[in-house]
């Protein structure tokens, strides 16, 4: 049983093998790229690293990285990603900026922290809206007056270009990009698997009609499902509302399990088990069935 509905499943299959190039420079921030790398890897994207050369680079002086490719032999990628940390030399390097400009058929550009300076220098943020690391916002605004700078957003989505604020905000932006490409339910699944329970879906600034959350954020009366229900082997399960996510969770033995919305009164759990809530003639939830066609009705207590 899939964790996503048919439309999202088709989208997921068509976009699972996206390639994404992480351009890394010496001094790059660890979490800037490591957080998004975790997200995109869970999404099934093929992630590879690129730098100006294949020489070992140091991330914050504690992590040594040998890039997969140098610019001269790097393959084409569907997504180009840039990150902060010692970025001044990089965005001032004509060879690097020329390489960025020459990349064709790029579906999405993605930056974390001061990686936005590289995109801006390449002209990709001209006449667009962007954000960057909080201590670099004023400098960015002065240096690139043709880019509108947002100072209070976790990320900014222009459609093809997504920029995020600093460090941990890159995880939010990466989950958002996965939601755009593979569907919101798959992004939620990844968020659960990496235990990033601080994600607030749709928290960034969306300047595009492609809003992967609109259907889910419009769901009303989720509190109808809240309560205690019978469970197998004479046990009990609690269904609780998460207002921040506009979603529901099953709580069993003190552990939370997200329920992914499929259709009216129909959800699916992380184990693939479908949950179909039942209503009476007064439209009140009275219980649920554990899977499609299951004859057992677990009552709401």
Protein backbone atom coordinates (compact mmCIF):
# COMPACT_ATOMS: atom_id res chain seq x y z
CA UNK A 1 0.00 0.00 0.00
CA UNK A 2 1.40 3.39 -0.96
CA UNK A 3 1.70 6.32 1.44
CA UNK A 4 0.47 8.72 -1.23
CA UNK A 5 -2.58 8.95 -3.44
CA UNK A 6 -2.53 7.86 -7.10
CA UNK A 7 -1.84 11.34 -8.49
CA UNK A 8 1.03 11.84 -6.07
CA UNK A 9 2.28 8.31 -6.73
CA UNK A 10 2.47 8.99 -10.47
CA UNK A 11 4.25 12.27 -9.77
CA UNK A 12 6.64 10.51 -7.41
CA UNK A 13 7.52 7.81 -9.94
CA UNK A 14 8.08 10.36 -12.70
CA UNK A 15 10.37 12.49 -10.54
CA UNK A 16 12.15 10.01 -8.27
CA UNK A 17 15.33 9.98 -10.33
CA UNK A 18 16.00 13.70 -10.39
CA UNK A 19 19.68 14.57 -10.43
CA UNK A 20 20.89 17.36 -8.17
CA UNK A 21 24.35 18.91 -8.20
CA UNK A 22 25.61 20.28 -4.88
CA UNK A 23 28.25 22.89 -5.63
CA UNK A 24 30.58 22.96 -2.59
CA UNK A 25 33.38 25.40 -1.92
CA UNK A 26 36.15 25.29 0.67
CA UNK A 27 34.72 26.39 4.01
CA UNK A 28 31.13 25.44 3.16
CA UNK A 29 28.83 25.16 6.19
CA UNK A 30 28.20 21.53 7.19
CA UNK A 31 24.46 21.74 7.90
CA UNK A 32 23.88 24.04 4.92
CA UNK A 33 24.43 21.11 2.56
CA UNK A 34 24.17 18.07 4.86
CA UNK A 35 20.55 18.80 5.88
CA UNK A 36 19.23 19.15 2.30
CA UNK A 37 21.41 16.20 1.21
CA UNK A 38 19.61 14.02 3.77
CA UNK A 39 16.21 15.17 2.49
CA UNK A 40 16.99 14.76 -1.21
CA UNK A 41 18.61 11.36 -0.64
CA UNK A 42 15.47 10.13 1.14
CA UNK A 43 13.48 11.43 -1.84
CA UNK A 44 15.46 9.15 -4.14
CA UNK A 45 17.25 11.95 -5.97
CA UNK A 46 20.70 11.24 -7.33
CA UNK A 47 22.89 13.71 -5.45
CA UNK A 48 26.46 14.44 -6.51
CA UNK A 49 28.99 17.05 -5.41
CA UNK A 50 30.84 19.50 -7.63
CA UNK A 51 33.59 21.99 -6.91
CA UNK A 52 35.98 24.07 -8.93
CA UNK A 53 38.43 21.18 -8.84
CA UNK A 54 38.56 17.71 -7.31
CA UNK A 55 40.94 18.84 -4.60
CA UNK A 56 39.83 18.06 -1.06
CA UNK A 57 37.81 20.85 0.51
CA UNK A 58 37.22 21.48 4.19
CA UNK A 59 33.77 22.11 5.65
CA UNK A 60 34.13 24.41 8.66
CA UNK A 61 37.58 22.96 9.30
CA UNK A 62 36.18 19.71 10.67
CA UNK A 63 34.96 17.70 7.66
CA UNK A 64 37.11 16.91 4.63
CA UNK A 65 35.25 16.33 1.37
CA UNK A 66 36.51 15.04 -1.96
CA UNK A 67 34.11 16.36 -4.64
CA UNK A 68 32.65 13.82 -7.04
CA UNK A 69 33.35 16.11 -9.97
CA UNK A 70 35.20 19.23 -10.96
CA UNK A 71 33.34 21.83 -12.99
CA UNK A 72 35.04 20.68 -16.19
CA UNK A 73 33.70 17.12 -16.00
CA UNK A 74 30.48 17.52 -14.01
CA UNK A 75 27.41 15.97 -15.66
CA UNK A 76 24.24 17.90 -16.30
CA UNK A 77 21.82 18.12 -13.41
CA UNK A 78 18.09 18.75 -13.12
CA UNK A 79 18.67 20.86 -10.00
CA UNK A 80 21.62 23.07 -9.06
CA UNK A 81 22.20 23.77 -5.36
CA UNK A 82 24.53 26.28 -3.69
CA UNK A 83 25.42 26.76 -0.04
CA UNK A 84 26.93 29.24 2.39
CA UNK A 85 30.27 29.36 4.14
CA UNK A 86 33.28 31.22 2.72
CA UNK A 87 31.20 32.10 -0.31
CA UNK A 88 32.82 35.48 -1.04
CA UNK A 89 35.66 34.02 -3.10
CA UNK A 90 33.25 31.78 -4.96
CA UNK A 91 30.74 34.40 -6.06
CA UNK A 92 33.65 36.62 -7.12
CA UNK A 93 35.24 33.84 -9.16
CA UNK A 94 34.52 34.47 -12.85
CA UNK A 95 35.13 30.84 -13.80
CA UNK A 96 32.58 29.58 -11.27
CA UNK A 97 29.95 32.12 -12.29
CA UNK A 98 30.51 31.37 -15.99
CA UNK A 99 30.02 27.67 -15.23
CA UNK A 100 26.72 28.41 -13.48
CA UNK A 101 25.55 30.53 -16.41
CA UNK A 102 26.40 27.81 -18.92
CA UNK A 103 24.29 25.12 -17.25
CA UNK A 104 21.25 24.54 -19.45
CA UNK A 105 17.91 22.81 -19.00
CA UNK A 106 18.05 23.36 -15.26
CA UNK A 107 14.62 22.71 -13.76
CA UNK A 108 15.28 24.30 -10.36
CA UNK A 109 17.91 26.43 -8.68
CA UNK A 110 18.25 26.04 -4.92
CA UNK A 111 20.35 27.93 -2.39
CA UNK A 112 20.90 27.88 1.34
CA UNK A 113 22.30 30.77 3.36
CA UNK A 114 24.82 32.90 1.45
CA UNK A 115 24.72 30.48 -1.46
CA UNK A 116 22.20 33.01 -2.78
CA UNK A 117 25.14 35.31 -3.61
CA UNK A 118 26.29 32.82 -6.27
CA UNK A 119 22.83 32.74 -7.88
CA UNK A 120 22.60 36.52 -7.76
CA UNK A 121 26.03 37.00 -9.30
CA UNK A 122 25.03 34.67 -12.13
CA UNK A 123 21.97 36.86 -12.81
CA UNK A 124 19.51 34.15 -11.78
CA UNK A 125 17.93 36.32 -9.06
CA UNK A 126 17.59 39.46 -11.18
CA UNK A 127 14.07 40.89 -10.82
CA UNK A 128 13.18 38.09 -8.42
CA UNK A 129 12.60 37.87 -4.68
CA UNK A 130 15.09 36.12 -2.43
CA UNK A 131 16.40 35.62 1.07
CA UNK A 132 19.71 34.63 2.64
CA UNK A 133 21.50 34.29 6.00
CA UNK A 134 20.26 36.85 8.52
CA UNK A 135 23.62 38.59 9.00
CA UNK A 136 24.10 38.91 5.21
CA UNK A 137 20.68 40.36 4.33
CA UNK A 138 21.76 44.02 4.31
CA UNK A 139 24.89 43.30 2.28
CA UNK A 140 22.89 41.24 -0.19
CA UNK A 141 20.30 44.01 -0.56
CA UNK A 142 22.97 46.63 -1.27
CA UNK A 143 24.96 44.46 -3.66
CA UNK A 144 21.97 43.28 -5.73
CA UNK A 145 19.44 46.13 -5.88
CA UNK A 146 17.47 44.41 -8.66
CA UNK A 147 16.58 41.57 -6.30
CA UNK A 148 13.84 42.13 -3.73
CA UNK A 149 15.13 40.86 -0.40
CA UNK A 150 12.81 39.27 2.17
CA UNK A 151 14.17 39.36 5.70
CA UNK A 152 11.66 37.27 7.63
CA UNK A 153 11.09 34.10 5.57
CA UNK A 154 12.49 30.60 5.99
CA UNK A 155 12.54 30.30 2.22
CA UNK A 156 11.33 32.11 -0.89
CA UNK A 157 9.92 30.17 -3.84
CA UNK A 158 9.89 32.01 -7.18
CA UNK A 159 8.77 28.94 -9.05
CA UNK A 160 12.04 27.81 -10.60
CA UNK A 161 14.31 29.40 -8.00
CA UNK A 162 14.18 28.68 -4.27
CA UNK A 163 16.40 30.52 -1.81
CA UNK A 164 16.44 29.80 1.90
CA UNK A 165 17.64 31.54 5.02
CA UNK A 166 20.61 30.18 6.94
CA UNK A 167 21.69 26.69 7.89
CA UNK A 168 18.68 24.75 9.29
CA UNK A 169 16.30 26.65 6.98
CA UNK A 170 17.81 24.64 4.15
CA UNK A 171 15.99 21.57 5.46
CA UNK A 172 12.67 23.45 5.22
CA UNK A 173 13.47 24.55 1.69
CA UNK A 174 14.52 21.05 0.66
CA UNK A 175 11.31 19.53 2.03
CA UNK A 176 9.36 22.22 0.18
CA UNK A 177 11.09 21.38 -3.10
CA UNK A 178 10.34 17.67 -2.58
CA UNK A 179 6.70 18.60 -1.92
CA UNK A 180 6.62 20.52 -5.22
CA UNK A 181 8.18 17.67 -7.18
CA UNK A 182 6.87 14.53 -5.47
CA UNK A 183 3.85 15.73 -3.52
CA UNK A 184 3.22 16.91 0.02
CA UNK A 185 2.61 13.45 1.48
CA UNK A 186 6.04 12.25 0.42
CA UNK A 187 7.66 15.34 1.92
CA UNK A 188 5.78 14.65 5.17
CA UNK A 189 6.99 11.05 5.10
CA UNK A 190 10.59 12.24 4.75
CA UNK A 191 10.13 14.78 7.53
CA UNK A 192 8.87 11.96 9.78
CA UNK A 193 11.69 9.58 8.81
CA UNK A 194 14.43 12.12 9.55
CA UNK A 195 12.60 13.15 12.75
CA UNK A 196 12.38 16.78 11.69
CA UNK A 197 9.22 17.53 13.62
CA UNK A 198 9.76 21.29 13.57
CA UNK A 199 8.78 21.65 9.92
CA UNK A 200 5.81 23.92 9.32
CA UNK A 201 4.51 23.15 5.80
CA UNK A 202 4.03 26.25 3.67
CA UNK A 203 5.89 28.49 6.12
CA UNK A 204 7.96 30.12 3.38
CA UNK A 205 7.00 32.82 0.89
CA UNK A 206 5.42 31.26 -2.20
CA UNK A 207 5.42 33.44 -5.30
CA UNK A 208 4.15 30.73 -7.63
CA UNK A 209 0.86 29.03 -8.43
CA UNK A 210 2.45 25.64 -7.72
CA UNK A 211 1.44 25.38 -4.08
CA UNK A 212 1.78 21.76 -2.90
CA UNK A 213 -0.03 22.53 0.36
CA UNK A 214 -3.21 24.25 -0.81
CA UNK A 215 -5.32 21.08 -0.86
CA UNK A 216 -4.14 20.00 2.58
CA UNK A 217 -4.18 23.39 4.26
CA UNK A 218 -7.82 23.81 3.23
CA UNK A 219 -8.87 20.67 5.11
CA UNK A 220 -11.36 21.58 7.79
CA UNK A 221 -12.70 19.92 10.92
CA UNK A 222 -9.75 17.60 11.43
CA UNK A 223 -10.60 17.78 15.11
CA UNK A 224 -13.58 15.54 14.23
CA UNK A 225 -11.15 12.62 14.09
CA UNK A 226 -9.54 13.37 17.47
CA UNK A 227 -10.27 11.00 20.30
CA UNK A 228 -9.65 7.54 21.68
CA UNK A 229 -10.50 4.49 19.60
CA UNK A 230 -10.49 0.75 20.02
CA UNK A 231 -7.43 -0.98 18.65
CA UNK A 232 -6.46 -4.54 17.86
CA UNK A 233 -5.98 -7.06 20.70
CA UNK A 234 -8.31 -5.04 22.96
CA UNK A 235 -5.94 -2.09 22.93
CA UNK A 236 -6.57 1.60 22.41
CA UNK A 237 -5.16 4.22 20.06
CA UNK A 238 -5.36 8.00 20.37
CA UNK A 239 -5.92 10.17 17.31
CA UNK A 240 -4.59 13.68 17.88
CA UNK A 241 -4.63 16.88 15.83
CA UNK A 242 -1.39 18.68 14.93
CA UNK A 243 -2.52 22.25 14.29
CA UNK A 244 0.88 23.38 13.03
CA UNK A 245 0.83 20.79 10.25
CA UNK A 246 -2.96 20.74 9.84
CA UNK A 247 -2.73 16.97 10.11
CA UNK A 248 -3.54 14.09 12.43
CA UNK A 249 -1.38 11.53 14.21
CA UNK A 250 -2.06 8.16 15.75
CA UNK A 251 -0.49 7.83 19.19
CA UNK A 252 0.22 4.28 20.24
CA UNK A 253 2.28 3.29 23.29
CA UNK A 254 3.42 6.90 23.57
CA UNK A 255 4.78 7.08 20.01
CA UNK A 256 3.33 9.31 17.30
CA UNK A 257 2.61 7.98 13.81
CA UNK A 258 1.47 10.40 11.09
CA UNK A 259 -1.64 9.65 9.10
CA UNK A 260 -1.46 10.81 5.49
CA UNK A 261 -4.62 12.20 3.92
CA UNK A 262 -5.84 10.42 0.79
CA UNK A 263 -9.50 11.28 0.37
CA UNK A 264 -12.54 12.21 2.43
CA UNK A 265 -12.28 10.29 5.74
CA UNK A 266 -9.52 8.10 4.29
CA UNK A 267 -5.92 8.22 5.53
CA UNK A 268 -2.92 5.92 5.34
CA UNK A 269 -0.29 5.26 8.00
CA UNK A 270 3.48 4.97 7.81
CA UNK A 271 3.19 1.19 7.59
CA UNK A 272 0.90 1.42 4.56
CA UNK A 273 -2.20 0.54 6.53
CA UNK A 274 -5.24 2.40 5.23
CA UNK A 275 -7.55 3.96 7.81
CA UNK A 276 -11.14 4.66 6.77
CA UNK A 277 -13.11 6.64 9.32
CA UNK A 278 -16.83 5.90 9.58
CA UNK A 279 -19.61 8.42 10.21
CA UNK A 280 -23.19 7.97 11.37
CA UNK A 281 -26.27 9.62 9.88
CA UNK A 282 -25.55 12.73 11.95
CA UNK A 283 -22.13 12.99 10.27
CA UNK A 284 -20.32 12.20 13.51
CA UNK A 285 -17.20 9.99 13.48
CA UNK A 286 -18.06 6.71 15.19
CA UNK A 287 -14.99 4.62 14.43
CA UNK A 288 -12.66 3.38 11.70
CA UNK A 289 -11.86 0.34 9.65
CA UNK A 290 -8.25 -0.72 9.43
CA UNK A 291 -8.04 -1.29 5.69
CA UNK A 292 -10.13 -1.14 2.57
CA UNK A 293 -12.85 -3.79 2.76
CA UNK A 294 -12.00 -4.68 6.37
CA UNK A 295 -15.08 -5.96 8.17
CA UNK A 296 -13.78 -5.01 11.62
CA UNK A 297 -15.02 -1.67 12.91
CA UNK A 298 -12.96 -0.15 15.72
CA UNK A 299 -15.27 2.11 17.66
CA UNK A 300 -14.57 5.58 18.92
CA UNK A 301 -14.71 5.49 22.71
